[in-house]
Protein backbone atom coordinates (compact mmCIF):
# COMPACT_ATOMS: atom_id res chain seq x y z
CA MET A 1 0.14 0.03 0.62
CA LYS A 2 2.97 2.29 1.05
CA ILE A 3 4.25 1.93 -2.40
CA ARG A 4 0.95 2.21 -3.82
CA ILE A 5 1.17 6.14 -2.33
CA VAL A 6 4.42 6.81 -3.21
CA ILE A 7 3.88 6.09 -7.41
CA ALA A 8 1.01 8.17 -6.58
CA LEU A 9 2.63 11.19 -5.79
CA LEU A 10 6.11 11.19 -7.72
CA ALA A 11 4.07 10.66 -10.35
CA THR A 12 2.30 13.80 -9.45
CA VAL A 13 4.78 15.83 -9.08
CA MET A 14 6.12 14.72 -12.27
CA LEU A 15 2.68 15.53 -14.45
CA ALA A 16 2.69 19.11 -12.49
CA GLY A 17 6.26 19.43 -13.72
CA CYS A 18 5.40 18.87 -17.01
CA THR A 19 2.30 21.43 -16.94
CA SER A 20 4.61 24.05 -15.23
CA GLY A 21 7.12 24.15 -18.36
CA ASP A 22 3.98 23.97 -21.07
CA LYS A 23 3.04 27.13 -18.24
CA LYS A 24 6.44 28.88 -18.87
CA ALA A 25 6.51 28.38 -22.30
CA ALA A 26 3.56 29.96 -23.08
CA GLU A 27 4.47 33.37 -20.73
CA LEU A 28 7.78 33.39 -22.79
CA LEU A 29 5.81 32.88 -25.99
CA ASP A 30 3.83 36.18 -25.24
CA THR A 31 6.38 38.30 -24.78
CA ALA A 32 7.94 37.57 -27.41
CA GLY A 33 4.98 38.07 -29.36
CA PHE A 34 4.64 41.13 -27.82
CA GLU A 35 8.20 41.85 -28.41
CA GLU A 36 8.03 41.52 -31.32
CA LYS A 37 4.78 44.05 -31.98
CA GLN A 38 6.74 46.74 -30.05
CA ASN A 39 9.55 45.78 -33.41
CA ASN A 40 12.12 44.36 -31.04
CA PHE A 41 12.40 41.47 -33.26
CA GLU A 42 16.33 40.36 -31.67
CA HIS A 43 15.11 39.96 -28.52
CA ALA A 44 11.81 37.86 -29.61
CA ALA A 45 13.59 35.82 -31.17
CA LYS A 46 16.13 35.30 -27.97
CA LEU A 47 12.94 34.35 -26.35
CA TYR A 48 12.00 32.26 -29.05
CA ASP A 49 15.22 30.16 -29.56
CA GLU A 50 14.71 29.96 -25.54
CA ILE A 51 11.93 28.02 -25.28
CA LEU A 52 13.05 25.94 -28.13
CA LYS A 53 16.21 24.78 -26.30
CA LYS A 54 14.22 24.51 -22.90
CA TYR A 55 10.35 23.35 -23.38
CA PRO A 56 11.35 21.62 -26.24
CA ASP A 57 8.47 19.45 -25.93
CA SER A 58 6.10 22.13 -25.05
CA LEU A 59 2.80 23.19 -26.81
CA ALA A 60 5.19 26.67 -27.51
CA ALA A 61 7.79 25.64 -29.34
CA LYS A 62 6.24 24.80 -32.39
CA ASP A 63 5.24 28.11 -33.05
CA ALA A 64 8.18 29.99 -31.47
CA ALA A 65 10.06 27.54 -34.18
CA THR A 66 7.34 28.69 -36.70
CA ARG A 67 8.09 32.77 -35.26
CA LEU A 68 11.81 32.21 -35.32
CA GLY A 69 11.86 31.36 -39.18
CA ALA A 70 9.37 34.17 -40.20
CA LEU A 71 11.73 36.48 -37.71
CA LYS A 72 15.21 34.73 -39.96
CA ASP A 73 12.98 35.89 -43.68
CA ARG A 74 12.57 39.04 -42.72
CA LYS A 75 14.00 41.66 -44.67
CA PRO A 76 15.86 44.15 -42.94
């Protein structure tokens, strides 16, 4: 019985970590979008890159990759 409780607690902690990562990635994505709207493309690109490096499996990573590609294709 104790083993089941420990396993349940570990699973809960692991799931909470995944949710936290997705939340942080989404917050970074929002900030990067704001920076892009403010024409601060260099900072936006850094934030998109940070999402891809720190949270590659997050829901925000695909959007970050798309936006980063669009910024790199932009002509100065």
